[in-house]
Amino acid sequence: MGAGCARLGLARTQALYRLGLDARDLVWALAEDCDLTPGHLHACVSDRHFALARAEAAFIRETLGFDHLDVVERAALARHVTGGGYAGGLYDRLGGHFHPLKFLRGLARRAQAAGARLHEGSRVVAIEQGRNGVTVRAATGSVRAAAGIVACDALIGGLSPHLARAIMPVASYCIATEPLPDEQAAALLPGRAAVADSRFALDYYRLSADNRLLFSGGETYTHTPRRDVAAFVRPHMARVFPALAAARIDYAWSGLVGITPNRLPQIGRLGGALYFAHGYSGQGCLLAPFYGKAIADHLRGDSDVYERLSALPAFPGRG
């Protein structure tokens, strides 16, 4: 955070940090009936990582002026998580977690109520620009609009080789255990906060509303995810919570996450009336709605947020 401030300047760094909190506020306002639960813990796997996290929290509080991160010493971690053997952590009082599919369905209902038409399962094969706007072609038909947004992230494929070169697909693997008894769930995550650790290929996990432990671990840098997700993730979960080593796994799935070289999302225009937003680097549930709103506001004539986001360093050699 300090290095970024040195490059961008204090005022710009503060403004961008504020935008991140604005993204949080937007999602919280949109989060209806999706099991929204407060609290997020950044768990440090080593003393060195904890020292860096402590310094970051101090910088955010003392230099940027935002006071929502609590430094959690090793002895106090049991208030949040009882496994992992972490050296300490940062608890974000403004963080949280929710059911992403329920959130998505809520957004779809809002969009339809506002007049949007949704075409699920229509694989796009080409995007064309002309004097009258944008034409999106699928195998079974096409859609024409005054403007378009490419929001395919890691699944962009051959639609735009230029954008595809700017993001890297990372395979993420998730499992969900059987519903745990209330006592066991409370023993694992007493405050029900979401947890993400400080490893490069991080573990992250949380409790669902019905007391399943949702656990992700062992990200791989590949376009082709592993087949047996449950067998791959279980050892990661058992390392953190040995009591769950034999727990039944009811669901297992994988998917591709789009990351960027500097971990900053990318937003901009491909020319004409065709825009793009992607590369959320693991923060898509929070940032994608905000970036979409920034483009929508820009198209309505309010370009302040869009211009600030699109000015960030993105493609190699830019900025």
Protein backbone atom coordinates (compact mmCIF):
# COMPACT_ATOMS: atom_id res chain seq x y z
CA MET A 1 0.00 0.00 0.00
CA GLY A 2 2.81 2.41 0.82
CA ALA A 3 4.58 1.69 -2.49
CA GLY A 4 1.36 2.37 -4.37
CA CYS A 5 0.94 5.66 -2.52
CA ALA A 6 4.47 6.69 -3.45
CA ARG A 7 3.65 6.10 -7.09
CA LEU A 8 0.14 7.56 -7.19
CA GLY A 9 0.42 10.27 -4.55
CA LEU A 10 -1.43 10.56 -1.25
CA ALA A 11 -4.55 12.35 -2.51
CA ARG A 12 -5.07 9.91 -5.38
CA THR A 13 -4.45 6.88 -3.14
CA GLN A 14 -6.99 8.15 -0.59
CA ALA A 15 -9.55 8.74 -3.33
CA LEU A 16 -9.05 5.25 -4.78
CA TYR A 17 -9.28 3.66 -1.34
CA ARG A 18 -12.53 5.54 -0.81
CA LEU A 19 -13.81 4.14 -4.10
CA GLY A 20 -13.11 0.65 -2.77
CA LEU A 21 -15.28 1.37 0.24
CA ASP A 22 -17.92 2.84 -2.07
CA ALA A 23 -17.92 -0.48 -3.94
CA ARG A 24 -18.52 -2.23 -0.64
CA ASP A 25 -21.41 0.10 0.17
CA LEU A 26 -22.99 -0.50 -3.24
CA VAL A 27 -22.88 -4.26 -2.83
CA TRP A 28 -24.28 -4.05 0.69
CA ALA A 29 -27.16 -1.94 -0.64
CA LEU A 30 -27.88 -4.50 -3.37
CA ALA A 31 -27.47 -7.58 -1.15
CA GLU A 32 -31.03 -8.74 -0.50
CA ASP A 33 -31.85 -12.27 0.68
CA CYS A 34 -28.34 -13.58 -0.01
CA ASP A 35 -27.17 -14.56 3.51
CA LEU A 36 -25.06 -11.43 4.01
CA THR A 37 -22.79 -11.96 7.04
CA PRO A 38 -20.38 -9.33 8.43
CA GLY A 39 -16.69 -9.79 9.12
CA HIS A 40 -13.54 -10.78 7.21
CA LEU A 41 -10.21 -11.97 8.61
CA HIS A 42 -6.90 -11.76 6.74
CA ALA A 43 -4.95 -14.55 8.45
CA CYS A 44 -1.14 -14.37 8.35
CA VAL A 45 0.76 -17.65 7.97
CA SER A 46 4.09 -16.30 9.27
CA ASP A 47 5.50 -13.66 11.60
CA ARG A 48 6.89 -11.79 8.58
CA HIS A 49 3.48 -11.68 6.93
CA PHE A 50 1.93 -10.47 10.18
CA ALA A 51 4.50 -7.69 10.49
CA LEU A 52 3.66 -6.56 6.95
CA ALA A 53 -0.06 -6.70 7.70
CA ARG A 54 0.39 -4.69 10.89
CA ALA A 55 2.34 -2.04 8.98
CA GLU A 56 -0.35 -1.90 6.29
CA ALA A 57 -3.09 -1.42 8.88
CA ALA A 58 -1.11 1.40 10.49
CA PHE A 59 -0.58 3.06 7.10
CA ILE A 60 -4.28 2.83 6.22
CA ARG A 61 -5.28 4.27 9.60
CA GLU A 62 -2.60 6.91 10.16
CA THR A 63 -1.79 8.04 6.60
CA LEU A 64 -4.95 7.38 4.61
CA GLY A 65 -7.34 8.06 7.49
CA PHE A 66 -9.53 4.95 7.37
CA ASP A 67 -10.13 3.07 10.62
CA HIS A 68 -11.92 -0.22 9.93
CA LEU A 69 -9.08 -2.74 10.38
CA ASP A 70 -8.32 -4.33 13.74
CA VAL A 71 -4.91 -5.95 14.33
CA VAL A 72 -5.50 -9.39 15.85
CA GLU A 73 -2.62 -10.86 17.83
CA ARG A 74 -1.96 -14.58 17.81
CA ALA A 75 -3.48 -15.01 21.29
CA ALA A 76 -6.74 -13.36 20.20
CA LEU A 77 -7.24 -15.26 16.94
CA ALA A 78 -9.48 -17.85 18.61
CA ARG A 79 -12.26 -15.25 18.66
CA HIS A 80 -12.38 -15.61 14.88
CA VAL A 81 -10.79 -18.94 13.87
CA THR A 82 -9.53 -21.89 15.89
CA GLY A 83 -7.44 -23.62 13.22
CA GLY A 84 -4.55 -22.84 10.91
CA GLY A 85 -1.87 -21.98 13.47
CA TYR A 86 -1.71 -18.41 12.18
CA ALA A 87 0.74 -15.81 13.48
CA GLY A 88 -1.91 -13.09 13.64
CA GLY A 89 -4.26 -11.27 11.34
CA LEU A 90 -6.29 -8.25 10.36
CA TYR A 91 -10.01 -8.20 11.03
CA ASP A 92 -12.00 -6.02 8.64
CA ARG A 93 -15.13 -4.71 10.35
CA LEU A 94 -16.49 -3.54 6.99
CA GLY A 95 -15.85 -6.89 5.29
CA GLY A 96 -18.20 -9.81 5.01
CA HIS A 97 -19.50 -12.60 2.81
CA PHE A 98 -22.69 -13.73 1.12
CA HIS A 99 -24.19 -16.38 -1.17
CA PRO A 100 -22.98 -15.26 -4.63
CA LEU A 101 -25.62 -17.11 -6.66
CA LYS A 102 -28.42 -15.63 -4.57
CA PHE A 103 -26.81 -12.22 -5.02
CA LEU A 104 -26.61 -12.75 -8.80
CA ARG A 105 -30.26 -13.78 -8.97
CA GLY A 106 -31.17 -10.64 -7.05
CA LEU A 107 -29.27 -8.51 -9.57
CA ALA A 108 -31.06 -10.31 -12.42
CA ARG A 109 -34.46 -9.58 -10.88
CA ARG A 110 -33.54 -5.90 -10.51
CA ALA A 111 -32.32 -5.76 -14.10
CA GLN A 112 -35.48 -7.34 -15.46
CA ALA A 113 -37.63 -5.01 -13.39
CA ALA A 114 -35.76 -2.11 -15.00
CA GLY A 115 -36.51 -3.46 -18.48
CA ALA A 116 -33.44 -5.57 -19.26
CA ARG A 117 -33.79 -8.74 -21.32
CA LEU A 118 -31.51 -11.62 -20.32
CA HIS A 119 -30.30 -14.26 -22.79
CA GLU A 120 -28.73 -17.06 -20.76
CA GLY A 121 -26.89 -19.81 -22.55
CA SER A 122 -26.28 -17.70 -25.67
CA ARG A 123 -22.61 -18.16 -26.43
CA VAL A 124 -21.23 -15.08 -28.17
CA VAL A 125 -19.18 -15.83 -31.29
CA ALA A 126 -18.44 -12.31 -32.52
CA ILE A 127 -18.73 -8.64 -31.57
CA GLU A 128 -18.97 -6.04 -34.32
CA GLN A 129 -18.91 -2.25 -34.22
CA GLY A 130 -20.51 0.08 -36.73
CA ARG A 131 -21.97 3.52 -37.12
CA ASN A 132 -25.13 2.52 -35.27
CA GLY A 133 -23.42 0.99 -32.25
CA VAL A 134 -22.52 -2.58 -31.35
CA THR A 135 -23.79 -5.92 -32.66
CA VAL A 136 -23.25 -9.03 -30.54
CA ARG A 137 -23.62 -12.24 -32.52
CA ALA A 138 -24.45 -15.63 -31.03
CA ALA A 139 -25.03 -18.96 -32.73
CA THR A 140 -28.81 -18.51 -32.63
CA GLY A 141 -29.24 -14.77 -33.13
CA SER A 142 -27.85 -11.32 -32.52
CA VAL A 143 -28.39 -8.27 -30.31
CA ARG A 144 -27.84 -4.67 -31.40
CA ALA A 145 -27.30 -1.82 -28.97
CA ALA A 146 -26.00 1.73 -28.90
CA ALA A 147 -23.16 0.57 -26.62
CA GLY A 148 -21.75 -2.72 -25.33
CA ILE A 149 -19.64 -3.99 -22.46
CA VAL A 150 -17.27 -6.96 -22.70
CA ALA A 151 -17.39 -8.51 -19.23
CA CYS A 152 -16.10 -12.04 -19.85
CA ASP A 153 -13.09 -11.90 -17.49
CA ALA A 154 -11.06 -15.14 -17.67
CA LEU A 155 -13.52 -16.72 -20.14
CA ILE A 156 -13.07 -14.18 -22.92
CA GLY A 157 -11.53 -16.77 -25.25
CA GLY A 158 -11.07 -15.51 -28.81
CA LEU A 159 -13.56 -12.65 -28.64
CA SER A 160 -10.77 -10.16 -28.01
CA PRO A 161 -7.16 -11.41 -28.20
CA HIS A 162 -6.05 -7.95 -27.02
CA LEU A 163 -7.97 -8.28 -23.76
CA ALA A 164 -7.11 -11.95 -23.36
CA ARG A 165 -3.40 -11.11 -23.32
CA ALA A 166 -3.91 -8.68 -20.44
CA ILE A 167 -5.35 -11.16 -17.93
CA MET A 168 -4.26 -14.55 -16.65
CA PRO A 169 -6.75 -17.34 -15.87
CA VAL A 170 -6.22 -18.99 -12.48
CA ALA A 171 -8.11 -22.13 -11.52
CA SER A 172 -9.88 -21.93 -8.17
CA TYR A 173 -11.21 -25.03 -6.38
CA CYS A 174 -14.01 -25.11 -3.80
CA ILE A 175 -15.71 -27.71 -1.65
CA ALA A 176 -18.69 -27.65 0.68
CA THR A 177 -18.92 -30.07 3.58
CA GLU A 178 -22.04 -31.64 4.96
CA PRO A 179 -23.97 -29.32 7.33
CA LEU A 180 -22.07 -29.23 10.62
CA PRO A 181 -23.68 -29.28 14.07
CA ASP A 182 -24.07 -25.81 15.56
CA GLU A 183 -21.50 -26.54 18.27
CA GLN A 184 -18.88 -27.72 15.79
CA ALA A 185 -19.44 -24.78 13.43
CA ALA A 186 -19.13 -22.33 16.32
CA ALA A 187 -15.94 -24.03 17.45
CA LEU A 188 -14.31 -23.60 14.03
CA LEU A 189 -15.33 -20.01 13.23
CA PRO A 190 -16.80 -18.46 16.40
CA GLY A 191 -17.67 -15.12 14.79
CA ARG A 192 -18.70 -16.61 11.41
CA ALA A 193 -16.33 -14.24 9.59
CA ALA A 194 -14.87 -15.21 6.24
CA VAL A 195 -11.14 -16.02 6.34
CA ALA A 196 -8.45 -15.66 3.66
CA ASP A 197 -4.83 -16.41 4.47
CA SER A 198 -1.63 -14.73 3.27
CA ARG A 199 -0.25 -17.53 1.10
CA PHE A 200 0.49 -16.74 -2.55
CA ALA A 201 -1.87 -19.58 -3.52
CA LEU A 202 -4.19 -18.79 -0.67
CA ASP A 203 -6.73 -20.77 1.31
CA TYR A 204 -10.05 -19.03 1.93
CA TYR A 205 -13.16 -20.30 3.66
CA ARG A 206 -16.38 -19.45 5.47
CA LEU A 207 -19.53 -20.96 6.92
CA SER A 208 -22.71 -21.03 4.87
CA ALA A 209 -26.09 -20.18 6.35
CA ASP A 210 -26.78 -23.91 6.85
CA ASN A 211 -23.41 -24.50 8.60
CA ARG A 212 -21.49 -26.05 5.73
CA LEU A 213 -17.82 -25.16 5.66
CA LEU A 214 -17.06 -23.76 2.22
CA PHE A 215 -13.32 -24.13 1.65
CA SER A 216 -11.09 -23.21 -1.29
CA GLY A 217 -7.41 -24.08 -1.51
CA GLY A 218 -4.62 -24.91 -3.91
CA GLU A 219 -5.18 -22.49 -6.77
CA THR A 220 -3.32 -23.49 -9.94
CA TYR A 221 -2.15 -21.35 -12.85
CA THR A 222 -3.73 -23.33 -15.64
CA HIS A 223 -6.55 -23.11 -18.18
CA THR A 224 -7.61 -26.68 -17.38
CA PRO A 225 -8.76 -27.24 -13.76
CA ARG A 226 -8.15 -30.54 -12.01
CA ARG A 227 -10.86 -33.15 -12.30
CA ASP A 228 -11.18 -34.54 -8.75
CA VAL A 229 -11.72 -31.28 -6.90
CA ALA A 230 -12.80 -32.87 -3.62
CA ALA A 231 -9.66 -35.01 -3.36
CA PHE A 232 -7.48 -32.04 -4.26
CA VAL A 233 -8.96 -29.59 -1.73
CA ARG A 234 -9.57 -31.92 1.22
CA PRO A 235 -5.90 -31.96 2.39
CA HIS A 236 -5.87 -28.16 2.44
CA MET A 237 -9.00 -28.12 4.61
CA ALA A 238 -7.63 -30.85 6.89
CA ARG A 239 -4.41 -28.87 7.41
CA VAL A 240 -6.44 -25.97 8.81
CA PHE A 241 -9.15 -28.00 10.53
CA PRO A 242 -7.91 -31.55 11.34
CA ALA A 243 -11.29 -32.40 12.89
CA LEU A 244 -12.82 -32.22 9.40
CA ALA A 245 -10.36 -34.61 7.78
CA ALA A 246 -13.09 -37.25 7.38
CA ALA A 247 -16.06 -34.92 6.97
CA ARG A 248 -18.41 -35.71 4.13
CA ILE A 249 -18.00 -33.40 1.13
CA ASP A 250 -21.36 -32.80 -0.49
CA TYR A 251 -20.30 -30.41 -3.27
CA ALA A 252 -17.10 -29.70 -5.18
CA TRP A 253 -16.54 -27.35 -8.10
CA SER A 254 -13.90 -25.30 -9.89
CA GLY A 255 -13.73 -22.23 -12.10
CA LEU A 256 -11.37 -19.73 -13.65
CA VAL A 257 -10.55 -16.40 -12.00
CA GLY A 258 -9.06 -13.58 -14.06
CA ILE A 259 -6.05 -11.82 -12.52
CA THR A 260 -3.90 -8.99 -13.83
CA PRO A 261 -0.12 -8.48 -13.49
CA ASN A 262 -0.56 -5.71 -10.91
CA ARG A 263 -3.78 -7.19 -9.42
CA LEU A 264 -5.71 -4.02 -10.33
CA PRO A 265 -8.93 -4.45 -12.32
CA GLN A 266 -9.00 -3.06 -15.83
CA ILE A 267 -11.70 -0.85 -17.32
CA GLY A 268 -11.74 1.09 -20.56
CA ARG A 269 -12.95 1.29 -24.14
CA LEU A 270 -12.03 -0.88 -27.10
CA GLY A 271 -13.03 1.86 -29.49
CA GLY A 272 -16.33 3.37 -30.51
CA ALA A 273 -19.08 2.39 -28.10
CA LEU A 274 -17.55 -0.90 -26.92
CA TYR A 275 -16.28 -0.94 -23.32
CA PHE A 276 -14.68 -3.60 -21.13
CA ALA A 277 -14.27 -4.35 -17.42
CA HIS A 278 -12.46 -7.38 -16.02
CA GLY A 279 -9.44 -8.69 -14.09
CA TYR A 280 -10.85 -8.37 -10.58
CA SER A 281 -8.19 -10.74 -9.24
CA GLY A 282 -10.41 -12.52 -6.74
CA GLN A 283 -12.54 -9.51 -5.76
CA GLY A 284 -15.19 -9.82 -8.47
CA CYS A 285 -18.25 -10.13 -6.23
CA LEU A 286 -17.38 -6.77 -4.69
CA LEU A 287 -15.88 -4.87 -7.61
CA ALA A 288 -17.77 -6.06 -10.71
CA PRO A 289 -21.07 -4.34 -9.77
CA PHE A 290 -19.17 -1.12 -9.02
CA TYR A 291 -17.25 -1.19 -12.30
CA GLY A 292 -20.45 -1.90 -14.19
CA LYS A 293 -22.11 1.08 -12.51
CA ALA A 294 -19.11 3.25 -13.40
CA ILE A 295 -19.59 2.46 -17.10
CA ALA A 296 -23.36 2.95 -16.87
CA ASP A 297 -22.89 6.32 -15.18
CA HIS A 298 -20.34 7.29 -17.83
CA LEU A 299 -22.82 6.48 -20.61
CA ARG A 300 -25.37 8.69 -18.86
CA GLY A 301 -22.92 11.58 -18.73
CA ASP A 302 -21.39 11.21 -15.24
CA SER A 303 -17.81 10.14 -16.00
CA ASP A 304 -16.01 10.98 -12.75
CA VAL A 305 -15.59 7.45 -11.37
CA TYR A 306 -15.06 5.88 -14.80
CA GLU A 307 -12.26 8.31 -15.61
CA ARG A 308 -10.53 7.74 -12.28
CA LEU A 309 -10.68 3.96 -12.68
CA SER A 310 -9.68 3.90 -16.34
CA ALA A 311 -6.63 6.07 -15.58
CA LEU A 312 -5.10 3.35 -13.37
CA PRO A 313 -2.07 1.45 -14.74
CA ALA A 314 -3.41 -1.61 -16.52
CA PHE A 315 -1.87 -3.07 -19.63
CA PRO A 316 1.88 -3.75 -19.68
CA GLY A 317 3.68 -0.56 -20.60
CA ARG A 318 0.69 1.66 -19.87
CA GLY A 319 0.69 4.27 -17.07
